[in-house]
Amino acid sequence: MSEHQYDLAEDEKVTPVMAYTATSMFWGDAITKKMVRVGGWMRSDFSPLILELHNAQTLIFSANGPMTLSYPVIYLPYDTITAFHVMPGVEETLYYDPNEKKRVMLPVSAFIGQFRFEGKTRISEMTKVLTTLEIAKEDFLPVFEVEVSHPSLPPDGVIKVEFATVKRTLAVWGIPDSPERDYMWSK
């Protein structure tokens, strides 16, 4: 959790999070109601119109290399957020039932600007990826076992998290060769 002190209501909590736009990465403390599962926040009815991050930082990529700027508060409009997750090390419960039938974990690469999100998405074994992308009701799709990279970060600068959400209509989606892919296409 955060080392900063906040004046929280009894039903609030602080969760360190990371949010991405097409060109930048932001991180800081999000204050939410205790009942909110923060990792899936952008997929919920409780998602904010403006994401408020306290004790916030941003990583700006320039010709001179990455540069970090700090702010007491940053406000990110929902429409500019392309991906979102809790900070590495923050644990949350699974966002799916691993025993649910007729679902597969499909390896995916999601590209937003120069950010690359490598992971797996969970979809019906009866549908194709394009159909999932076209008919999904939520703006953000879940990606599991995620590695986030950017060419301006050092090779060991990969961010690893169990779960992220990626805005489906702002990402370019790649499907690497995999047994799950072969299985899906044979349907």
N, C-alpha and C. Protein backbone atom coordinates (compact mmCIF):
# COMPACT_ATOMS: atom_id res chain seq x y z
N MET A 1 0.83 -1.19 0.00
CA MET A 1 0.00 0.00 0.00
C MET A 1 0.87 1.25 0.00
N SER A 2 0.23 2.35 -0.07
CA SER A 2 0.92 3.63 -0.15
C SER A 2 1.50 4.04 1.20
N GLU A 3 2.63 4.73 1.14
CA GLU A 3 3.23 5.25 2.38
C GLU A 3 2.64 6.61 2.73
N HIS A 4 1.86 7.20 1.85
CA HIS A 4 1.25 8.51 2.09
C HIS A 4 -0.03 8.35 2.90
N GLN A 5 -0.32 9.35 3.68
CA GLN A 5 -1.53 9.35 4.51
C GLN A 5 -2.62 10.13 3.78
N TYR A 6 -3.80 9.57 3.79
CA TYR A 6 -4.95 10.21 3.17
C TYR A 6 -6.08 10.25 4.18
N ASP A 7 -6.92 11.25 4.06
CA ASP A 7 -8.09 11.37 4.92
C ASP A 7 -9.22 10.58 4.25
N LEU A 8 -9.33 9.30 4.58
CA LEU A 8 -10.27 8.41 3.92
C LEU A 8 -11.56 8.29 4.72
N ALA A 9 -12.66 8.13 4.00
CA ALA A 9 -13.93 7.78 4.64
C ALA A 9 -13.83 6.32 5.06
N GLU A 10 -14.71 5.91 5.94
CA GLU A 10 -14.67 4.55 6.47
C GLU A 10 -14.83 3.49 5.37
N ASP A 11 -15.53 3.83 4.28
CA ASP A 11 -15.77 2.87 3.21
C ASP A 11 -14.80 3.03 2.03
N GLU A 12 -13.66 3.73 2.24
CA GLU A 12 -12.70 3.96 1.16
C GLU A 12 -11.39 3.22 1.42
N LYS A 13 -10.64 3.03 0.32
CA LYS A 13 -9.31 2.42 0.40
C LYS A 13 -8.40 3.09 -0.63
N VAL A 14 -7.10 2.88 -0.47
CA VAL A 14 -6.09 3.40 -1.38
C VAL A 14 -5.43 2.22 -2.07
N THR A 15 -5.32 2.30 -3.39
CA THR A 15 -4.67 1.24 -4.17
C THR A 15 -3.70 1.89 -5.14
N PRO A 16 -2.42 1.48 -5.13
CA PRO A 16 -1.48 1.98 -6.14
C PRO A 16 -1.79 1.35 -7.50
N VAL A 17 -1.89 2.19 -8.52
CA VAL A 17 -2.28 1.74 -9.85
C VAL A 17 -1.37 2.34 -10.92
N MET A 18 -1.48 1.78 -12.12
CA MET A 18 -0.80 2.33 -13.30
C MET A 18 -1.84 2.50 -14.40
N ALA A 19 -1.77 3.62 -15.10
CA ALA A 19 -2.65 3.89 -16.23
C ALA A 19 -1.78 4.32 -17.41
N TYR A 20 -2.24 4.01 -18.60
CA TYR A 20 -1.50 4.30 -19.82
C TYR A 20 -2.37 5.12 -20.76
N THR A 21 -1.71 6.00 -21.51
CA THR A 21 -2.33 6.66 -22.66
C THR A 21 -1.53 6.18 -23.87
N ALA A 22 -1.86 6.68 -25.04
CA ALA A 22 -1.13 6.25 -26.23
C ALA A 22 0.35 6.63 -26.17
N THR A 23 0.70 7.64 -25.37
CA THR A 23 2.08 8.11 -25.38
C THR A 23 2.78 8.11 -24.03
N SER A 24 2.06 7.89 -22.95
CA SER A 24 2.66 8.03 -21.63
C SER A 24 2.17 6.96 -20.66
N MET A 25 2.90 6.85 -19.57
CA MET A 25 2.56 5.94 -18.48
C MET A 25 2.45 6.78 -17.21
N PHE A 26 1.41 6.51 -16.42
CA PHE A 26 1.16 7.24 -15.18
C PHE A 26 0.99 6.25 -14.05
N TRP A 27 1.42 6.61 -12.85
CA TRP A 27 1.17 5.76 -11.70
C TRP A 27 1.00 6.62 -10.47
N GLY A 28 0.22 6.09 -9.54
CA GLY A 28 -0.07 6.82 -8.32
C GLY A 28 -1.12 6.07 -7.52
N ASP A 29 -1.66 6.75 -6.52
CA ASP A 29 -2.64 6.15 -5.62
C ASP A 29 -4.05 6.53 -6.05
N ALA A 30 -4.88 5.51 -6.22
CA ALA A 30 -6.30 5.73 -6.52
C ALA A 30 -7.10 5.50 -5.24
N ILE A 31 -8.01 6.37 -4.96
CA ILE A 31 -8.90 6.23 -3.80
C ILE A 31 -10.26 5.77 -4.32
N THR A 32 -10.69 4.62 -3.82
CA THR A 32 -11.96 4.04 -4.25
C THR A 32 -12.76 3.58 -3.03
N LYS A 33 -13.98 3.19 -3.28
CA LYS A 33 -14.78 2.52 -2.26
C LYS A 33 -14.15 1.15 -2.02
N LYS A 34 -14.24 0.65 -0.81
CA LYS A 34 -13.65 -0.64 -0.47
C LYS A 34 -14.21 -1.77 -1.32
N MET A 35 -15.46 -1.67 -1.73
CA MET A 35 -16.08 -2.75 -2.49
C MET A 35 -15.58 -2.85 -3.94
N VAL A 36 -14.88 -1.85 -4.44
CA VAL A 36 -14.41 -1.84 -5.82
C VAL A 36 -13.20 -2.76 -5.98
N ARG A 37 -13.29 -3.65 -6.95
CA ARG A 37 -12.13 -4.46 -7.33
C ARG A 37 -11.34 -3.61 -8.33
N VAL A 38 -10.28 -3.02 -7.86
CA VAL A 38 -9.61 -1.94 -8.59
C VAL A 38 -9.02 -2.40 -9.93
N GLY A 39 -8.48 -3.59 -10.00
CA GLY A 39 -7.90 -4.06 -11.26
C GLY A 39 -8.90 -4.06 -12.40
N GLY A 40 -10.16 -4.36 -12.12
CA GLY A 40 -11.20 -4.37 -13.14
C GLY A 40 -12.07 -3.13 -13.15
N TRP A 41 -11.62 -2.10 -12.46
CA TRP A 41 -12.39 -0.86 -12.30
C TRP A 41 -12.85 -0.28 -13.63
N MET A 42 -11.99 -0.24 -14.63
CA MET A 42 -12.34 0.38 -15.90
C MET A 42 -13.43 -0.40 -16.64
N ARG A 43 -13.66 -1.66 -16.23
CA ARG A 43 -14.69 -2.49 -16.86
C ARG A 43 -16.01 -2.43 -16.11
N SER A 44 -16.05 -1.68 -15.04
CA SER A 44 -17.23 -1.71 -14.16
C SER A 44 -18.12 -0.48 -14.35
N ASP A 45 -19.28 -0.56 -13.74
CA ASP A 45 -20.19 0.60 -13.73
C ASP A 45 -19.65 1.72 -12.83
N PHE A 46 -18.63 1.40 -12.03
CA PHE A 46 -18.05 2.38 -11.12
C PHE A 46 -16.83 3.09 -11.71
N SER A 47 -16.51 2.82 -12.98
CA SER A 47 -15.32 3.44 -13.56
C SER A 47 -15.47 4.96 -13.55
N PRO A 48 -14.37 5.66 -13.28
CA PRO A 48 -14.46 7.12 -13.17
C PRO A 48 -14.49 7.80 -14.53
N LEU A 49 -15.18 8.91 -14.61
CA LEU A 49 -15.14 9.74 -15.81
C LEU A 49 -13.75 10.38 -15.92
N ILE A 50 -13.20 10.75 -14.76
CA ILE A 50 -11.85 11.30 -14.66
C ILE A 50 -11.12 10.48 -13.58
N LEU A 51 -10.03 9.83 -13.95
CA LEU A 51 -9.23 9.07 -12.99
C LEU A 51 -8.34 10.04 -12.24
N GLU A 52 -8.47 10.07 -10.91
CA GLU A 52 -7.68 10.95 -10.05
C GLU A 52 -6.58 10.12 -9.39
N LEU A 53 -5.33 10.46 -9.67
CA LEU A 53 -4.19 9.76 -9.08
C LEU A 53 -3.46 10.71 -8.15
N HIS A 54 -3.31 10.29 -6.89
CA HIS A 54 -2.58 11.07 -5.89
C HIS A 54 -1.14 10.58 -5.82
N ASN A 55 -0.23 11.49 -5.39
CA ASN A 55 1.19 11.14 -5.33
C ASN A 55 1.60 10.53 -6.67
N ALA A 56 1.27 11.22 -7.74
CA ALA A 56 1.35 10.69 -9.09
C ALA A 56 2.68 11.00 -9.77
N GLN A 57 3.01 10.10 -10.67
CA GLN A 57 4.18 10.28 -11.51
C GLN A 57 3.82 9.91 -12.93
N THR A 58 4.55 10.49 -13.86
CA THR A 58 4.38 10.14 -15.26
C THR A 58 5.74 9.91 -15.88
N LEU A 59 5.79 8.99 -16.79
CA LEU A 59 7.01 8.71 -17.54
C LEU A 59 6.79 9.22 -18.95
N ILE A 60 7.59 10.19 -19.32
CA ILE A 60 7.50 10.80 -20.65
C ILE A 60 8.69 10.30 -21.46
N PHE A 61 8.41 9.87 -22.68
CA PHE A 61 9.46 9.36 -23.55
C PHE A 61 9.86 10.46 -24.52
N SER A 62 11.16 10.78 -24.56
CA SER A 62 11.65 11.83 -25.44
C SER A 62 12.91 11.34 -26.15
N ALA A 63 13.42 12.15 -27.05
CA ALA A 63 14.64 11.80 -27.78
C ALA A 63 15.83 11.65 -26.83
N ASN A 64 15.78 12.32 -25.68
CA ASN A 64 16.86 12.23 -24.70
C ASN A 64 16.68 11.06 -23.73
N GLY A 65 15.66 10.26 -23.95
CA GLY A 65 15.39 9.12 -23.07
C GLY A 65 14.20 9.40 -22.17
N PRO A 66 13.81 8.40 -21.40
CA PRO A 66 12.64 8.56 -20.53
C PRO A 66 12.90 9.59 -19.43
N MET A 67 11.86 10.34 -19.09
CA MET A 67 11.95 11.35 -18.04
C MET A 67 10.72 11.21 -17.14
N THR A 68 10.95 11.23 -15.83
CA THR A 68 9.86 11.11 -14.87
C THR A 68 9.53 12.47 -14.29
N LEU A 69 8.23 12.78 -14.24
CA LEU A 69 7.74 14.00 -13.61
C LEU A 69 6.79 13.60 -12.49
N SER A 70 6.79 14.33 -11.39
CA SER A 70 5.93 14.04 -10.24
C SER A 70 4.93 15.15 -10.02
N TYR A 71 3.74 14.77 -9.56
CA TYR A 71 2.67 15.72 -9.27
C TYR A 71 1.92 15.26 -8.02
N PRO A 72 1.43 16.18 -7.22
CA PRO A 72 0.60 15.76 -6.08
C PRO A 72 -0.66 15.03 -6.56
N VAL A 73 -1.23 15.51 -7.69
CA VAL A 73 -2.43 14.89 -8.26
C VAL A 73 -2.36 15.02 -9.78
N ILE A 74 -2.77 13.96 -10.46
CA ILE A 74 -2.95 13.98 -11.92
C ILE A 74 -4.37 13.53 -12.20
N TYR A 75 -5.03 14.18 -13.16
CA TYR A 75 -6.38 13.82 -13.58
C TYR A 75 -6.33 13.29 -15.01
N LEU A 76 -6.73 12.05 -15.20
CA LEU A 76 -6.72 11.42 -16.52
C LEU A 76 -8.16 11.18 -16.98
N PRO A 77 -8.60 11.81 -18.06
CA PRO A 77 -9.94 11.53 -18.56
C PRO A 77 -10.05 10.07 -19.00
N TYR A 78 -11.18 9.45 -18.70
CA TYR A 78 -11.43 8.05 -19.04
C TYR A 78 -11.14 7.79 -20.52
N ASP A 79 -11.57 8.70 -21.39
CA ASP A 79 -11.40 8.49 -22.83
C ASP A 79 -9.95 8.44 -23.28
N THR A 80 -9.02 8.98 -22.47
CA THR A 80 -7.61 8.94 -22.87
C THR A 80 -6.89 7.70 -22.35
N ILE A 81 -7.51 6.98 -21.43
CA ILE A 81 -6.87 5.81 -20.82
C ILE A 81 -6.96 4.63 -21.79
N THR A 82 -5.81 4.06 -22.12
CA THR A 82 -5.77 2.94 -23.06
C THR A 82 -5.55 1.60 -22.36
N ALA A 83 -4.98 1.63 -21.16
CA ALA A 83 -4.77 0.40 -20.38
C ALA A 83 -4.65 0.79 -18.92
N PHE A 84 -4.89 -0.21 -18.05
CA PHE A 84 -4.95 0.07 -16.62
C PHE A 84 -4.68 -1.22 -15.84
N HIS A 85 -3.94 -1.09 -14.73
CA HIS A 85 -3.75 -2.22 -13.83
C HIS A 85 -3.28 -1.74 -12.47
N VAL A 86 -3.41 -2.60 -11.47
CA VAL A 86 -2.85 -2.28 -10.15
C VAL A 86 -1.33 -2.43 -10.27
N MET A 87 -0.63 -1.76 -9.37
CA MET A 87 0.84 -1.83 -9.38
C MET A 87 1.31 -3.27 -9.15
N PRO A 88 2.45 -3.63 -9.73
CA PRO A 88 3.01 -4.96 -9.44
C PRO A 88 3.14 -5.15 -7.94
N GLY A 89 2.79 -6.34 -7.49
CA GLY A 89 2.86 -6.66 -6.07
C GLY A 89 1.55 -6.50 -5.33
N VAL A 90 0.60 -5.76 -5.90
CA VAL A 90 -0.72 -5.63 -5.29
C VAL A 90 -1.52 -6.86 -5.68
N GLU A 91 -2.03 -7.57 -4.70
CA GLU A 91 -2.77 -8.80 -5.00
C GLU A 91 -4.26 -8.57 -4.97
N GLU A 92 -4.94 -9.16 -5.93
CA GLU A 92 -6.40 -9.16 -5.98
C GLU A 92 -6.86 -10.57 -6.32
N THR A 93 -8.12 -10.85 -6.04
CA THR A 93 -8.66 -12.16 -6.36
C THR A 93 -8.78 -12.33 -7.87
N LEU A 94 -8.87 -13.58 -8.33
CA LEU A 94 -9.02 -13.85 -9.75
C LEU A 94 -10.24 -13.14 -10.33
N TYR A 95 -10.15 -12.76 -11.57
CA TYR A 95 -11.25 -12.10 -12.25
C TYR A 95 -12.05 -13.06 -13.11
N TYR A 96 -11.86 -14.34 -12.90
CA TYR A 96 -12.63 -15.33 -13.65
C TYR A 96 -12.64 -16.62 -12.84
N ASP A 97 -13.55 -17.50 -13.20
CA ASP A 97 -13.64 -18.81 -12.57
C ASP A 97 -12.82 -19.77 -13.41
N PRO A 98 -11.70 -20.29 -12.89
CA PRO A 98 -10.86 -21.18 -13.70
C PRO A 98 -11.57 -22.48 -14.08
N ASN A 99 -12.66 -22.81 -13.43
CA ASN A 99 -13.41 -24.02 -13.74
C ASN A 99 -14.55 -23.80 -14.74
N GLU A 100 -14.70 -22.55 -15.19
CA GLU A 100 -15.76 -22.26 -16.16
C GLU A 100 -15.50 -23.05 -17.44
N LYS A 101 -16.52 -23.72 -17.92
CA LYS A 101 -16.39 -24.57 -19.11
C LYS A 101 -16.46 -23.74 -20.38
N LYS A 102 -15.88 -24.32 -21.42
CA LYS A 102 -15.92 -23.76 -22.78
C LYS A 102 -15.24 -22.39 -22.89
N ARG A 103 -14.19 -22.20 -22.12
CA ARG A 103 -13.36 -21.00 -22.18
C ARG A 103 -11.91 -21.40 -22.42
N VAL A 104 -11.18 -20.58 -23.14
CA VAL A 104 -9.75 -20.81 -23.36
C VAL A 104 -8.99 -19.53 -23.02
N MET A 105 -7.74 -19.73 -22.60
CA MET A 105 -6.83 -18.61 -22.39
C MET A 105 -6.02 -18.49 -23.68
N LEU A 106 -6.24 -17.44 -24.42
CA LEU A 106 -5.61 -17.24 -25.72
C LEU A 106 -4.47 -16.25 -25.60
N PRO A 107 -3.25 -16.64 -25.98
CA PRO A 107 -2.14 -15.67 -25.97
C PRO A 107 -2.43 -14.51 -26.92
N VAL A 108 -2.16 -13.30 -26.45
CA VAL A 108 -2.38 -12.10 -27.26
C VAL A 108 -1.23 -11.11 -27.05
N SER A 109 -1.05 -10.27 -28.04
CA SER A 109 -0.20 -9.09 -27.94
C SER A 109 -1.11 -7.91 -28.24
N ALA A 110 -1.14 -6.94 -27.34
CA ALA A 110 -1.92 -5.73 -27.57
C ALA A 110 -0.93 -4.58 -27.67
N PHE A 111 -0.99 -3.84 -28.76
CA PHE A 111 -0.09 -2.73 -29.00
C PHE A 111 -0.88 -1.42 -28.92
N ILE A 112 -0.39 -0.52 -28.08
CA ILE A 112 -0.98 0.82 -27.96
C ILE A 112 0.18 1.80 -28.03
N GLY A 113 0.24 2.57 -29.11
CA GLY A 113 1.42 3.40 -29.33
C GLY A 113 2.61 2.45 -29.36
N GLN A 114 3.65 2.75 -28.59
CA GLN A 114 4.81 1.87 -28.53
C GLN A 114 4.77 0.93 -27.33
N PHE A 115 3.68 0.95 -26.57
CA PHE A 115 3.53 0.01 -25.47
C PHE A 115 3.08 -1.34 -26.03
N ARG A 116 3.65 -2.40 -25.47
CA ARG A 116 3.28 -3.75 -25.87
C ARG A 116 2.84 -4.51 -24.63
N PHE A 117 1.64 -5.06 -24.67
CA PHE A 117 1.07 -5.85 -23.59
C PHE A 117 1.01 -7.30 -24.05
N GLU A 118 1.89 -8.13 -23.51
CA GLU A 118 1.90 -9.56 -23.84
C GLU A 118 1.19 -10.31 -22.73
N GLY A 119 0.23 -11.14 -23.07
CA GLY A 119 -0.47 -11.90 -22.05
C GLY A 119 -1.46 -12.86 -22.67
N LYS A 120 -2.52 -13.13 -21.93
CA LYS A 120 -3.56 -14.05 -22.39
C LYS A 120 -4.91 -13.42 -22.11
N THR A 121 -5.83 -13.61 -23.04
CA THR A 121 -7.20 -13.18 -22.79
C THR A 121 -8.08 -14.42 -22.73
N ARG A 122 -9.13 -14.32 -22.00
CA ARG A 122 -10.01 -15.47 -21.77
C ARG A 122 -11.26 -15.27 -22.62
N ILE A 123 -11.46 -16.18 -23.58
CA ILE A 123 -12.62 -16.04 -24.46
C ILE A 123 -13.31 -17.40 -24.61
N SER A 124 -14.50 -17.35 -25.16
CA SER A 124 -15.25 -18.57 -25.43
C SER A 124 -14.52 -19.38 -26.49
N GLU A 125 -14.50 -20.69 -26.32
CA GLU A 125 -13.86 -21.54 -27.32
C GLU A 125 -14.72 -21.62 -28.59
N MET A 126 -15.92 -21.09 -28.54
CA MET A 126 -16.84 -21.16 -29.68
C MET A 126 -16.80 -19.91 -30.57
N THR A 127 -15.95 -18.95 -30.21
CA THR A 127 -15.94 -17.70 -30.97
C THR A 127 -14.52 -17.39 -31.43
N LYS A 128 -14.42 -16.44 -32.31
CA LYS A 128 -13.12 -16.00 -32.80
C LYS A 128 -12.78 -14.66 -32.15
N VAL A 129 -11.53 -14.33 -32.20
CA VAL A 129 -11.06 -13.10 -31.58
C VAL A 129 -11.75 -11.88 -32.18
N LEU A 130 -11.86 -11.82 -33.49
CA LEU A 130 -12.51 -10.68 -34.14
C LEU A 130 -13.93 -10.49 -33.61
N THR A 131 -14.66 -11.57 -33.49
CA THR A 131 -16.03 -11.48 -32.97
C THR A 131 -16.02 -10.93 -31.55
N THR A 132 -15.11 -11.43 -30.72
CA THR A 132 -14.99 -10.94 -29.35
C THR A 132 -14.70 -9.44 -29.34
N LEU A 133 -13.78 -8.99 -30.17
CA LEU A 133 -13.43 -7.57 -30.21
C LEU A 133 -14.59 -6.71 -30.70
N GLU A 134 -15.37 -7.24 -31.63
CA GLU A 134 -16.47 -6.46 -32.20
C GLU A 134 -17.71 -6.39 -31.32
N ILE A 135 -17.99 -7.47 -30.58
CA ILE A 135 -19.27 -7.49 -29.85
C ILE A 135 -19.14 -7.27 -28.35
N ALA A 136 -17.93 -7.18 -27.84
CA ALA A 136 -17.76 -6.96 -26.39
C ALA A 136 -18.51 -5.70 -25.97
N LYS A 137 -19.17 -5.77 -24.83
CA LYS A 137 -19.92 -4.61 -24.34
C LYS A 137 -19.03 -3.63 -23.60
N GLU A 138 -17.99 -4.12 -22.95
CA GLU A 138 -17.10 -3.26 -22.19
C GLU A 138 -16.06 -2.62 -23.10
N ASP A 139 -15.65 -1.41 -22.77
CA ASP A 139 -14.59 -0.73 -23.52
C ASP A 139 -13.24 -1.43 -23.32
N PHE A 140 -13.04 -1.98 -22.12
CA PHE A 140 -11.76 -2.59 -21.77
C PHE A 140 -11.90 -4.11 -21.72
N LEU A 141 -10.92 -4.80 -22.32
CA LEU A 141 -10.88 -6.26 -22.26
C LEU A 141 -9.81 -6.69 -21.26
N PRO A 142 -10.06 -7.81 -20.58
CA PRO A 142 -9.07 -8.30 -19.62
C PRO A 142 -7.93 -9.03 -20.31
N VAL A 143 -6.73 -8.83 -19.80
CA VAL A 143 -5.55 -9.57 -20.24
C VAL A 143 -4.87 -10.07 -18.97
N PHE A 144 -4.52 -11.35 -18.97
CA PHE A 144 -3.95 -12.00 -17.79
C PHE A 144 -2.49 -12.34 -18.01
N GLU A 145 -1.74 -12.49 -16.90
CA GLU A 145 -0.32 -12.84 -16.95
C GLU A 145 0.43 -11.91 -17.91
N VAL A 146 0.34 -10.63 -17.62
CA VAL A 146 0.76 -9.57 -18.54
C VAL A 146 2.21 -9.15 -18.32
N GLU A 147 2.89 -8.90 -19.43
CA GLU A 147 4.20 -8.25 -19.44
C GLU A 147 4.07 -7.01 -20.31
N VAL A 148 4.32 -5.84 -19.71
CA VAL A 148 4.23 -4.58 -20.43
C VAL A 148 5.64 -4.10 -20.73
N SER A 149 5.89 -3.75 -21.99
CA SER A 149 7.21 -3.25 -22.37
C SER A 149 7.06 -2.03 -23.28
N HIS A 150 8.17 -1.33 -23.43
CA HIS A 150 8.26 -0.14 -24.28
C HIS A 150 9.70 -0.08 -24.78
N PRO A 151 9.94 0.24 -26.05
CA PRO A 151 11.31 0.24 -26.57
C PRO A 151 12.26 1.22 -25.87
N SER A 152 11.73 2.26 -25.22
CA SER A 152 12.59 3.23 -24.53
C SER A 152 12.98 2.78 -23.13
N LEU A 153 12.38 1.70 -22.67
CA LEU A 153 12.74 1.17 -21.35
C LEU A 153 13.85 0.14 -21.51
N PRO A 154 14.69 -0.01 -20.50
CA PRO A 154 15.72 -1.05 -20.58
C PRO A 154 15.06 -2.43 -20.62
N PRO A 155 15.77 -3.45 -21.15
CA PRO A 155 15.18 -4.79 -21.24
C PRO A 155 14.65 -5.31 -19.90
N ASP A 156 15.28 -4.93 -18.81
CA ASP A 156 14.79 -5.38 -17.51
C ASP A 156 13.69 -4.46 -16.98
N GLY A 157 13.23 -3.51 -17.79
CA GLY A 157 12.17 -2.59 -17.41
C GLY A 157 10.78 -3.10 -17.73
N VAL A 158 10.65 -4.40 -17.96
CA VAL A 158 9.34 -5.00 -18.24
C VAL A 158 8.52 -5.00 -16.96
N ILE A 159 7.26 -4.59 -17.07
CA ILE A 159 6.34 -4.57 -15.93
C ILE A 159 5.51 -5.84 -16.00
N LYS A 160 5.51 -6.62 -14.92
CA LYS A 160 4.76 -7.88 -14.89
C LYS A 160 3.64 -7.79 -13.87
N VAL A 161 2.41 -8.04 -14.34
CA VAL A 161 1.24 -8.06 -13.47
C VAL A 161 0.35 -9.24 -13.85
N GLU A 162 -0.46 -9.67 -12.89
CA GLU A 162 -1.35 -10.80 -13.12
C GLU A 162 -2.55 -10.44 -14.00
N PHE A 163 -2.94 -9.15 -13.99
CA PHE A 163 -4.16 -8.76 -14.67
C PHE A 163 -4.09 -7.30 -15.09
N ALA A 164 -4.49 -7.02 -16.32
CA ALA A 164 -4.61 -5.64 -16.81
C ALA A 164 -5.86 -5.57 -17.67
N THR A 165 -6.34 -4.36 -17.86
CA THR A 165 -7.42 -4.15 -18.81
C THR A 165 -6.90 -3.24 -19.91
N VAL A 166 -7.26 -3.57 -21.15
CA VAL A 166 -6.78 -2.85 -22.33
C VAL A 166 -7.99 -2.40 -23.14
N LYS A 167 -8.00 -1.12 -23.53
CA LYS A 167 -9.13 -0.60 -24.31
C LYS A 167 -9.14 -1.28 -25.68
N ARG A 168 -10.16 -2.05 -25.92
CA ARG A 168 -10.21 -2.93 -27.10
C ARG A 168 -10.18 -2.18 -28.42
N THR A 169 -10.76 -0.96 -28.47
CA THR A 169 -10.85 -0.24 -29.74
C THR A 169 -9.65 0.67 -30.00
N LEU A 170 -8.74 0.79 -29.03
CA LEU A 170 -7.55 1.61 -29.24
C LEU A 170 -6.28 0.78 -29.36
N ALA A 171 -6.41 -0.52 -29.18
CA ALA A 171 -5.25 -1.41 -29.27
C ALA A 171 -5.26 -2.11 -30.62
N VAL A 172 -4.07 -2.43 -31.09
CA VAL A 172 -3.91 -3.34 -32.23
C VAL A 172 -3.63 -4.69 -31.61
N TRP A 173 -4.41 -5.68 -31.95
CA TRP A 173 -4.33 -6.99 -31.32
C TRP A 173 -3.63 -7.97 -32.24
N GLY A 174 -2.62 -8.65 -31.71
CA GLY A 174 -1.92 -9.71 -32.44
C GLY A 174 -2.12 -11.03 -31.72
N ILE A 175 -2.29 -12.09 -32.50
CA ILE A 175 -2.48 -13.43 -31.94
C ILE A 175 -1.28 -14.27 -32.35
N PRO A 176 -0.37 -14.54 -31.40
CA PRO A 176 0.78 -15.38 -31.73
C PRO A 176 0.32 -16.81 -31.99
N ASP A 177 1.15 -17.59 -32.66
CA ASP A 177 0.84 -19.00 -32.85
C ASP A 177 0.78 -19.68 -31.50
N SER A 178 -0.26 -20.49 -31.31
CA SER A 178 -0.42 -21.20 -30.04
C SER A 178 -1.38 -22.36 -30.24
N PRO A 179 -1.32 -23.36 -29.37
CA PRO A 179 -2.28 -24.45 -29.46
C PRO A 179 -3.73 -23.96 -29.34
N GLU A 180 -3.98 -22.95 -28.49
CA GLU A 180 -5.32 -22.44 -28.34
C GLU A 180 -5.81 -21.82 -29.64
N ARG A 181 -4.93 -21.11 -30.33
CA ARG A 181 -5.30 -20.48 -31.59
C ARG A 181 -5.67 -21.56 -32.60
N ASP A 182 -4.85 -22.60 -32.71
CA ASP A 182 -5.13 -23.68 -33.66
C ASP A 182 -6.48 -24.32 -33.35
N TYR A 183 -6.76 -24.51 -32.06
CA TYR A 183 -8.02 -25.12 -31.65
C TYR A 183 -9.20 -24.24 -32.07
N MET A 184 -9.06 -22.92 -31.83
CA MET A 184 -10.17 -22.01 -32.16
C MET A 184 -10.46 -22.00 -33.65
N TRP A 185 -9.42 -21.92 -34.46
CA TRP A 185 -9.65 -21.78 -35.89
C TRP A 185 -10.24 -23.06 -36.50
N SER A 186 -10.11 -24.18 -35.81
CA SER A 186 -10.67 -25.41 -36.36
C SER A 186 -12.17 -25.52 -36.10
N LYS A 187 -12.73 -24.63 -35.32
CA LYS A 187 -14.17 -24.69 -35.00
C LYS A 187 -15.00 -24.25 -36.18
